[in-house]
Amino acid sequence: MEAPLPLSTLLSQALVAFIIEFDNEFEHRVPHRTSRHGSTDGSKSAPWLLSMVMWLKLLRFIPPEGITTGALYRLTGFTKIEFRRYLIRMIKWWGYVLLGPNVPPAGPAARLVIPTAQGKQALDVWRALTGIIEERWRDRFGEKTIEQVRRSMESLLECFGVDLPDSLPLLGYHLLSYGPETKGRAAIKPADESTSEYSLPVLLSKVLLAFAFDFESELKFSLAISANVLRLVGKQGVRVRDFPRLSGVSKEAIAMATRRLETRGLAVVKSESPGNRTKTLSLTPAGRRLQTRYSELVWEIEKRWQTRCSRAAITALRSRLERMVGEPTAGRSPLFLGLEPYPDCWRASVPKPEGLPHFPMILHRGGYPDGS
């Protein structure tokens, strides 16, 4: 019998699978450009390819007629520094919007952010995609399963009583789930919005973020690093080049994680043998203690949630997610049924992962859930 997966892993793999399926469909339908995988029909003017996270965080708030920078800032919930950074990226790099004229009364916050022609096409596709992918999941996993997952997560969010962001944050230098975005202002929500109106990926994101907050506030260390790197290191260590295959996380995200482990004195990276270029990561005694604490804490948090909220909700959520995740390896997990990329998608040209991340590694590189 396979050992049961922590609730954080079940939530993570479901969310990552939804986002990848969403992203593959968007890439297939919309002209775009990338740095490594070319662009649609060789177009250099197409918008930059982004992941669903960027849509949830920012682009979904931009209507076809445009919106003032001040209104957009209030909707996103970003701090001023973060908002300015993303606004510059949207206008100068991504190609989805442009900066229009002032709207009375004039002022810096009154400049219009207007979708470009290709940006409008992308926004139209994005707006419809969540419903399309969620309907596929209802057909794939069953209406009853999806509804039970939704109801369980809605129950937990009502118990938490905190207005959590609709998506996970971009992980910063320390790869922690809290930062300027989640410590800053809460995004403005419609007065009549309830948990029942949240999409499936938003519910998954909110509950997973609550888990990450509980974990990181106690351990003072990244859940992303713990789940995707620390967890995998045995007594003999792990070859650094094997981490992407074993974890389902990009080599760039692994490089960030291993640097943090080394900086904290939790791991050592060295050559396998003199003159050998292959690097192996081994844990220090402090790293081994942290690894043990990670494996304990993820289960402790789940038990606390059962006491704090509802044992029935946690049990129902876990049982349904376990059916969806199945055996968490490529080709065996039902989640992989929707992850076969179109031939024109960039994921079709890279090696398939052996499994999905045990926690999303969302970086500034485009918001992809595996750090790509």
Protein backbone atom coordinates (compact mmCIF):
# COMPACT_ATOMS: atom_id res chain seq x y z
CA MET A 1 0.00 0.00 0.00
CA GLU A 2 1.23 3.48 -0.89
CA ALA A 3 1.60 5.81 2.09
CA PRO A 4 -1.15 8.46 2.17
CA LEU A 5 -0.23 11.90 0.88
CA PRO A 6 -0.49 15.01 3.07
CA LEU A 7 -3.52 17.20 2.41
CA SER A 8 -1.19 19.96 1.19
CA THR A 9 0.15 17.61 -1.51
CA LEU A 10 -3.32 16.52 -2.62
CA LEU A 11 -4.45 20.15 -2.91
CA SER A 12 -1.23 21.12 -4.68
CA GLN A 13 -1.33 18.39 -7.31
CA ALA A 14 -4.98 19.08 -8.12
CA LEU A 15 -4.28 22.80 -8.46
CA VAL A 16 -1.12 22.32 -10.55
CA ALA A 17 -2.93 19.91 -12.87
CA PHE A 18 -5.82 22.36 -13.37
CA ILE A 19 -3.44 25.22 -14.14
CA ILE A 20 -1.35 23.22 -16.61
CA GLU A 21 -4.46 22.02 -18.46
CA PHE A 22 -5.75 25.62 -18.49
CA ASP A 23 -2.39 26.94 -19.74
CA ASN A 24 -2.08 24.33 -22.49
CA GLU A 25 -5.53 25.22 -23.80
CA PHE A 26 -4.76 28.95 -23.72
CA GLU A 27 -1.46 28.46 -25.53
CA HIS A 28 -3.21 26.38 -28.22
CA ARG A 29 -5.90 28.99 -28.85
CA VAL A 30 -4.07 32.34 -28.66
CA PRO A 31 -1.15 33.81 -30.65
CA HIS A 32 1.85 34.29 -28.36
CA ARG A 33 5.63 34.46 -28.11
CA THR A 34 8.14 32.85 -25.78
CA SER A 35 11.86 33.14 -25.13
CA ARG A 36 12.84 29.49 -25.68
CA HIS A 37 10.07 27.96 -27.74
CA GLY A 38 9.50 30.55 -30.45
CA SER A 39 6.25 32.30 -31.22
CA THR A 40 3.03 31.65 -33.10
CA ASP A 41 3.72 31.89 -36.85
CA GLY A 42 7.02 33.57 -36.03
CA SER A 43 5.22 36.71 -34.83
CA LYS A 44 7.41 38.99 -32.72
CA SER A 45 4.49 41.26 -31.81
CA ALA A 46 2.24 38.64 -30.21
CA PRO A 47 1.73 38.90 -26.43
CA TRP A 48 4.11 37.11 -24.10
CA LEU A 49 2.86 33.69 -23.03
CA LEU A 50 1.75 33.77 -19.39
CA SER A 51 0.26 31.29 -16.96
CA MET A 52 -3.17 31.28 -15.34
CA VAL A 53 -1.75 32.82 -12.17
CA MET A 54 -1.01 36.09 -13.97
CA TRP A 55 -4.57 36.09 -15.28
CA LEU A 56 -5.99 35.65 -11.79
CA LYS A 57 -3.69 38.21 -10.20
CA LEU A 58 -4.02 41.03 -12.67
CA LEU A 59 -5.27 40.63 -16.22
CA ARG A 60 -8.80 39.44 -15.34
CA PHE A 61 -9.60 42.89 -13.90
CA ILE A 62 -9.11 44.67 -17.25
CA PRO A 63 -12.37 45.11 -19.22
CA PRO A 64 -12.43 45.55 -23.02
CA GLU A 65 -12.96 49.32 -22.69
CA GLY A 66 -10.03 49.69 -20.30
CA ILE A 67 -9.72 50.70 -16.67
CA THR A 68 -7.87 53.48 -14.86
CA THR A 69 -4.65 52.58 -13.12
CA GLY A 70 -6.15 53.69 -9.80
CA ALA A 71 -9.18 51.40 -10.16
CA LEU A 72 -6.99 48.51 -11.29
CA TYR A 73 -4.70 49.00 -8.30
CA ARG A 74 -7.63 48.79 -5.89
CA LEU A 75 -8.97 45.61 -7.51
CA THR A 76 -5.71 43.68 -7.45
CA GLY A 77 -4.87 44.10 -3.79
CA PHE A 78 -1.18 44.60 -4.61
CA THR A 79 1.03 46.95 -2.66
CA LYS A 80 2.01 50.07 -4.59
CA ILE A 81 5.49 48.74 -5.31
CA GLU A 82 4.16 45.41 -6.59
CA PHE A 83 1.46 47.05 -8.67
CA ARG A 84 3.94 49.44 -10.32
CA ARG A 85 6.22 46.51 -11.14
CA TYR A 86 3.44 44.50 -12.80
CA LEU A 87 2.02 47.50 -14.62
CA ILE A 88 5.42 48.12 -16.23
CA ARG A 89 5.66 44.47 -17.25
CA MET A 90 2.16 44.50 -18.74
CA ILE A 91 2.85 47.57 -20.86
CA LYS A 92 6.52 47.19 -21.83
CA TRP A 93 7.06 43.43 -21.95
CA TRP A 94 3.89 41.37 -22.10
CA GLY A 95 2.02 43.15 -24.89
CA TYR A 96 -1.52 42.62 -23.59
CA VAL A 97 -2.24 46.27 -22.77
CA LEU A 98 -1.14 49.80 -23.48
CA LEU A 99 -1.37 53.00 -21.48
CA GLY A 100 -4.07 55.35 -22.77
CA PRO A 101 -5.06 58.97 -22.04
CA ASN A 102 -6.07 60.47 -18.71
CA VAL A 103 -9.67 60.22 -17.61
CA PRO A 104 -11.16 63.26 -15.77
CA PRO A 105 -10.30 64.21 -13.13
CA ALA A 106 -6.75 64.03 -14.49
CA GLY A 107 -3.94 62.56 -12.44
CA PRO A 108 -1.47 59.65 -12.40
CA ALA A 109 -4.15 57.25 -11.17
CA ALA A 110 -6.50 58.31 -13.98
CA ARG A 111 -4.47 56.92 -16.89
CA LEU A 112 -6.37 54.26 -18.78
CA VAL A 113 -4.99 50.75 -19.13
CA ILE A 114 -6.43 49.52 -22.44
CA PRO A 115 -6.16 46.03 -23.97
CA THR A 116 -4.38 45.79 -27.31
CA ALA A 117 -6.18 44.04 -30.18
CA GLN A 118 -4.36 40.78 -29.42
CA GLY A 119 -4.79 41.43 -25.71
CA LYS A 120 -8.58 41.53 -26.15
CA GLN A 121 -8.46 38.18 -27.92
CA ALA A 122 -6.42 36.71 -25.08
CA LEU A 123 -8.70 38.16 -22.39
CA ASP A 124 -11.78 36.71 -24.11
CA VAL A 125 -10.19 33.25 -24.16
CA TRP A 126 -9.03 33.51 -20.55
CA ARG A 127 -12.49 34.53 -19.31
CA ALA A 128 -14.07 31.39 -20.74
CA LEU A 129 -11.33 28.88 -19.96
CA THR A 130 -11.90 28.30 -16.25
CA GLY A 131 -15.46 27.18 -16.90
CA ILE A 132 -14.35 25.01 -19.82
CA ILE A 133 -11.67 23.19 -17.82
CA GLU A 134 -13.92 22.82 -14.78
CA GLU A 135 -16.59 21.23 -16.96
CA ARG A 136 -13.99 18.79 -18.30
CA TRP A 137 -13.14 17.87 -14.71
CA ARG A 138 -16.80 17.24 -13.93
CA ASP A 139 -16.96 14.86 -16.89
CA ARG A 140 -13.63 13.23 -16.00
CA PHE A 141 -14.00 12.83 -12.24
CA GLY A 142 -17.76 12.95 -11.84
CA GLU A 143 -20.18 15.68 -10.85
CA LYS A 144 -20.52 14.29 -7.32
CA THR A 145 -16.76 14.28 -6.72
CA ILE A 146 -16.24 17.86 -7.87
CA GLU A 147 -19.23 19.13 -5.89
CA GLN A 148 -18.02 17.37 -2.73
CA VAL A 149 -14.54 18.88 -3.15
CA ARG A 150 -16.10 22.31 -3.63
CA ARG A 151 -18.43 22.06 -0.64
CA SER A 152 -15.64 20.83 1.64
CA MET A 153 -13.35 23.71 0.69
CA GLU A 154 -16.18 26.24 1.01
CA SER A 155 -16.83 24.93 4.52
CA LEU A 156 -13.15 25.35 5.44
CA LEU A 157 -12.98 28.89 4.10
CA GLU A 158 -16.04 29.89 6.08
CA CYS A 159 -14.38 28.41 9.16
CA PHE A 160 -11.12 30.30 8.55
CA GLY A 161 -13.01 33.60 8.32
CA VAL A 162 -10.14 35.28 6.45
CA ASP A 163 -10.35 36.83 2.99
CA LEU A 164 -7.45 35.03 1.32
CA PRO A 165 -6.14 35.98 -2.15
CA ASP A 166 -7.63 34.20 -5.15
CA SER A 167 -4.27 32.76 -6.20
CA LEU A 168 -1.00 31.75 -4.63
CA PRO A 169 1.68 34.46 -4.48
CA LEU A 170 4.76 34.54 -6.65
CA LEU A 171 7.50 33.08 -4.49
CA GLY A 172 10.25 35.56 -3.68
CA TYR A 173 13.88 35.18 -2.62
CA HIS A 174 13.14 32.87 0.31
CA LEU A 175 10.39 31.02 -1.62
CA LEU A 176 7.90 31.75 1.16
CA SER A 177 4.17 31.96 0.51
CA TYR A 178 3.79 35.22 2.34
CA GLY A 179 5.20 38.52 1.14
CA PRO A 180 4.14 41.97 -0.08
CA GLU A 181 1.23 40.58 -2.06
CA THR A 182 -0.35 38.64 0.79
CA LYS A 183 0.70 40.99 3.57
CA GLY A 184 -0.66 43.98 1.70
CA ARG A 185 -4.19 45.21 1.13
CA ALA A 186 -7.03 42.81 0.51
CA ALA A 187 -8.39 42.97 -3.01
CA ILE A 188 -11.83 44.56 -3.29
CA LYS A 189 -14.58 41.95 -3.42
CA PRO A 190 -18.20 42.46 -4.47
CA ALA A 191 -20.37 42.89 -1.40
CA ASP A 192 -22.54 39.90 -2.28
CA GLU A 193 -19.72 37.51 -3.26
CA SER A 194 -19.79 34.21 -1.40
CA THR A 195 -17.56 31.15 -1.40
CA SER A 196 -20.06 29.33 -3.62
CA GLU A 197 -19.19 31.73 -6.45
CA TYR A 198 -15.47 30.92 -6.41
CA SER A 199 -14.12 28.79 -9.23
CA LEU A 200 -12.49 25.45 -8.45
CA PRO A 201 -8.89 26.71 -8.87
CA VAL A 202 -9.62 29.73 -6.67
CA LEU A 203 -10.97 27.48 -3.91
CA LEU A 204 -7.94 25.19 -4.20
CA SER A 205 -5.61 28.20 -4.07
CA LYS A 206 -7.26 29.74 -1.02
CA VAL A 207 -7.27 26.53 1.04
CA LEU A 208 -3.71 25.68 0.01
CA LEU A 209 -2.54 29.18 0.88
CA ALA A 210 -4.13 28.88 4.33
CA PHE A 211 -2.18 25.65 4.80
CA ALA A 212 1.05 27.31 3.69
CA PHE A 213 0.49 30.21 6.09
CA ASP A 214 0.02 27.81 9.02
CA PHE A 215 3.08 25.78 8.03
CA GLU A 216 5.45 28.67 7.37
CA SER A 217 4.39 30.77 10.34
CA GLU A 218 5.37 27.87 12.61
CA LEU A 219 8.41 26.44 10.83
CA LYS A 220 9.76 29.78 9.55
CA PHE A 221 10.75 28.01 6.37
CA SER A 222 9.36 27.56 2.87
CA LEU A 223 6.75 24.87 2.30
CA ALA A 224 7.69 24.88 -1.39
CA ILE A 225 11.32 23.97 -0.61
CA SER A 226 10.33 21.49 2.07
CA ALA A 227 7.82 19.64 -0.11
CA ASN A 228 9.74 19.60 -3.39
CA VAL A 229 13.40 19.33 -2.35
CA LEU A 230 13.90 18.60 1.35
CA ARG A 231 11.39 15.73 1.24
CA LEU A 232 13.34 13.87 -1.45
CA VAL A 233 16.79 13.78 0.15
CA GLY A 234 17.74 10.37 1.52
CA LYS A 235 20.76 9.46 3.63
CA GLN A 236 23.01 9.22 0.56
CA GLY A 237 21.82 12.54 -0.84
CA VAL A 238 20.33 13.23 -4.28
CA ARG A 239 21.98 14.21 -7.53
CA VAL A 240 21.00 17.81 -8.20
CA ARG A 241 20.22 17.02 -11.84
CA ASP A 242 17.65 14.42 -10.69
CA PHE A 243 15.52 16.85 -8.68
CA PRO A 244 13.46 18.19 -11.64
CA ARG A 245 12.53 14.64 -12.68
CA LEU A 246 11.75 13.51 -9.15
CA SER A 247 9.86 16.61 -8.04
CA GLY A 248 8.11 17.77 -11.22
CA VAL A 249 9.66 21.21 -10.66
CA SER A 250 11.82 23.13 -13.16
CA LYS A 251 15.60 23.14 -12.82
CA GLU A 252 15.50 26.94 -12.35
CA ALA A 253 13.20 26.58 -9.34
CA ILE A 254 15.36 23.76 -7.99
CA ALA A 255 18.44 25.97 -8.30
CA MET A 256 16.73 28.66 -6.21
CA ALA A 257 15.67 26.12 -3.60
CA THR A 258 19.11 24.50 -3.27
CA ARG A 259 20.74 27.91 -2.85
CA ARG A 260 18.36 28.71 0.01
CA LEU A 261 19.15 25.38 1.67
CA GLU A 262 22.88 26.01 1.38
CA THR A 263 22.59 29.59 2.62
CA ARG A 264 20.68 28.43 5.72
CA GLY A 265 23.27 25.72 6.45
CA LEU A 266 20.69 23.00 5.83
CA ALA A 267 22.37 21.28 2.89
CA VAL A 268 25.72 20.85 1.17
CA VAL A 269 26.19 20.55 -2.59
CA LYS A 270 29.42 18.92 -3.73
CA SER A 271 30.86 16.75 -6.50
CA GLU A 272 30.07 13.05 -6.33
CA SER A 273 33.77 12.31 -6.52
CA PRO A 274 37.01 14.20 -7.28
CA GLY A 275 36.99 15.40 -10.86
CA ASN A 276 33.33 14.45 -11.33
CA ARG A 277 31.08 17.30 -12.52
CA THR A 278 27.94 15.62 -11.17
CA LYS A 279 26.72 17.47 -8.06
CA THR A 280 25.01 15.81 -5.12
CA LEU A 281 22.95 17.54 -2.43
CA SER A 282 23.14 16.14 1.08
CA LEU A 283 21.47 17.41 4.23
CA THR A 284 23.33 18.68 7.26
CA PRO A 285 22.14 17.58 10.72
CA ALA A 286 20.06 20.78 10.87
CA GLY A 287 18.59 19.97 7.47
CA ARG A 288 17.73 16.46 8.57
CA ARG A 289 15.92 17.81 11.64
CA LEU A 290 13.98 20.23 9.45
CA GLN A 291 13.08 17.39 7.06
CA THR A 292 11.68 15.39 9.98
CA ARG A 293 9.73 18.39 11.24
CA TYR A 294 8.25 18.96 7.78
CA SER A 295 6.94 15.39 7.65
CA GLU A 296 5.39 15.83 11.10
CA LEU A 297 3.95 19.31 10.70
CA VAL A 298 1.97 18.69 7.50
CA TRP A 299 -0.03 16.04 9.36
CA GLU A 300 -0.33 18.09 12.52
CA ILE A 301 -1.91 20.96 10.60
CA GLU A 302 -4.48 18.65 9.07
CA LYS A 303 -5.40 17.34 12.54
CA ARG A 304 -5.67 20.91 13.86
CA TRP A 305 -8.01 21.79 11.03
CA GLN A 306 -10.20 18.81 11.92
CA THR A 307 -10.48 20.13 15.48
CA ARG A 308 -10.82 23.77 14.51
CA CYS A 309 -13.27 23.38 11.64
CA SER A 310 -14.85 20.08 10.68
CA ARG A 311 -13.54 16.54 10.72
CA ALA A 312 -16.26 15.63 8.22
CA ALA A 313 -15.20 18.36 5.78
CA ILE A 314 -11.53 17.36 5.97
CA THR A 315 -12.35 13.66 5.60
CA ALA A 316 -14.61 14.28 2.62
CA LEU A 317 -12.07 16.58 0.97
CA ARG A 318 -9.24 14.12 1.50
CA SER A 319 -11.17 11.10 0.21
CA ARG A 320 -12.29 12.86 -2.99
CA LEU A 321 -8.86 14.35 -3.68
CA GLU A 322 -7.24 10.94 -3.15
CA ARG A 323 -9.49 9.54 -5.87
CA MET A 324 -8.54 12.37 -8.22
CA VAL A 325 -4.80 12.13 -7.55
CA GLY A 326 -4.68 8.33 -7.37
CA GLU A 327 -1.14 7.01 -7.59
CA PRO A 328 0.76 10.29 -8.04
CA THR A 329 2.97 9.30 -10.98
CA ALA A 330 2.69 10.12 -14.65
CA GLY A 331 0.56 7.60 -16.49
CA ARG A 332 -1.09 6.35 -13.28
CA SER A 333 -2.62 9.46 -11.71
CA PRO A 334 -6.02 10.39 -13.18
CA LEU A 335 -4.85 14.01 -13.08
CA PHE A 336 -2.54 13.28 -16.01
CA LEU A 337 -5.49 12.45 -18.25
CA GLY A 338 -5.87 16.14 -19.04
CA LEU A 339 -2.19 17.05 -19.18
CA GLU A 340 -1.18 15.75 -22.61
CA PRO A 341 -0.11 18.96 -24.38
CA TYR A 342 -1.10 19.89 -27.91
CA PRO A 343 1.75 19.37 -30.43
CA ASP A 344 2.09 23.16 -30.74
CA CYS A 345 2.49 23.69 -26.98
CA TRP A 346 5.92 24.22 -25.44
CA ARG A 347 5.36 21.37 -22.96
CA ALA A 348 5.23 18.95 -25.91
CA SER A 349 8.92 19.64 -26.57
CA VAL A 350 10.24 19.05 -23.04
CA PRO A 351 10.56 15.81 -21.03
CA LYS A 352 7.41 14.72 -19.24
CA PRO A 353 7.63 14.86 -15.44
CA GLU A 354 7.36 11.69 -13.40
CA GLY A 355 4.87 13.38 -11.11
CA LEU A 356 3.41 16.71 -10.11
CA PRO A 357 4.93 19.09 -7.53
CA HIS A 358 4.06 18.53 -3.88
CA PHE A 359 3.64 22.30 -3.65
CA PRO A 360 3.40 24.84 -6.51
CA MET A 361 6.64 26.67 -7.34
CA ILE A 362 5.20 29.86 -8.84
CA LEU A 363 7.96 32.25 -9.88
CA HIS A 364 8.15 35.62 -11.61
CA ARG A 365 9.23 33.85 -14.82
CA GLY A 366 5.61 33.69 -16.01
CA GLY A 367 3.66 32.32 -13.08
CA TYR A 368 3.83 28.66 -14.10
CA PRO A 369 2.97 26.29 -11.23
CA ASP A 370 6.10 24.16 -11.68
CA GLY A 371 8.54 27.07 -11.89
CA SER A 372 8.93 26.78 -15.69
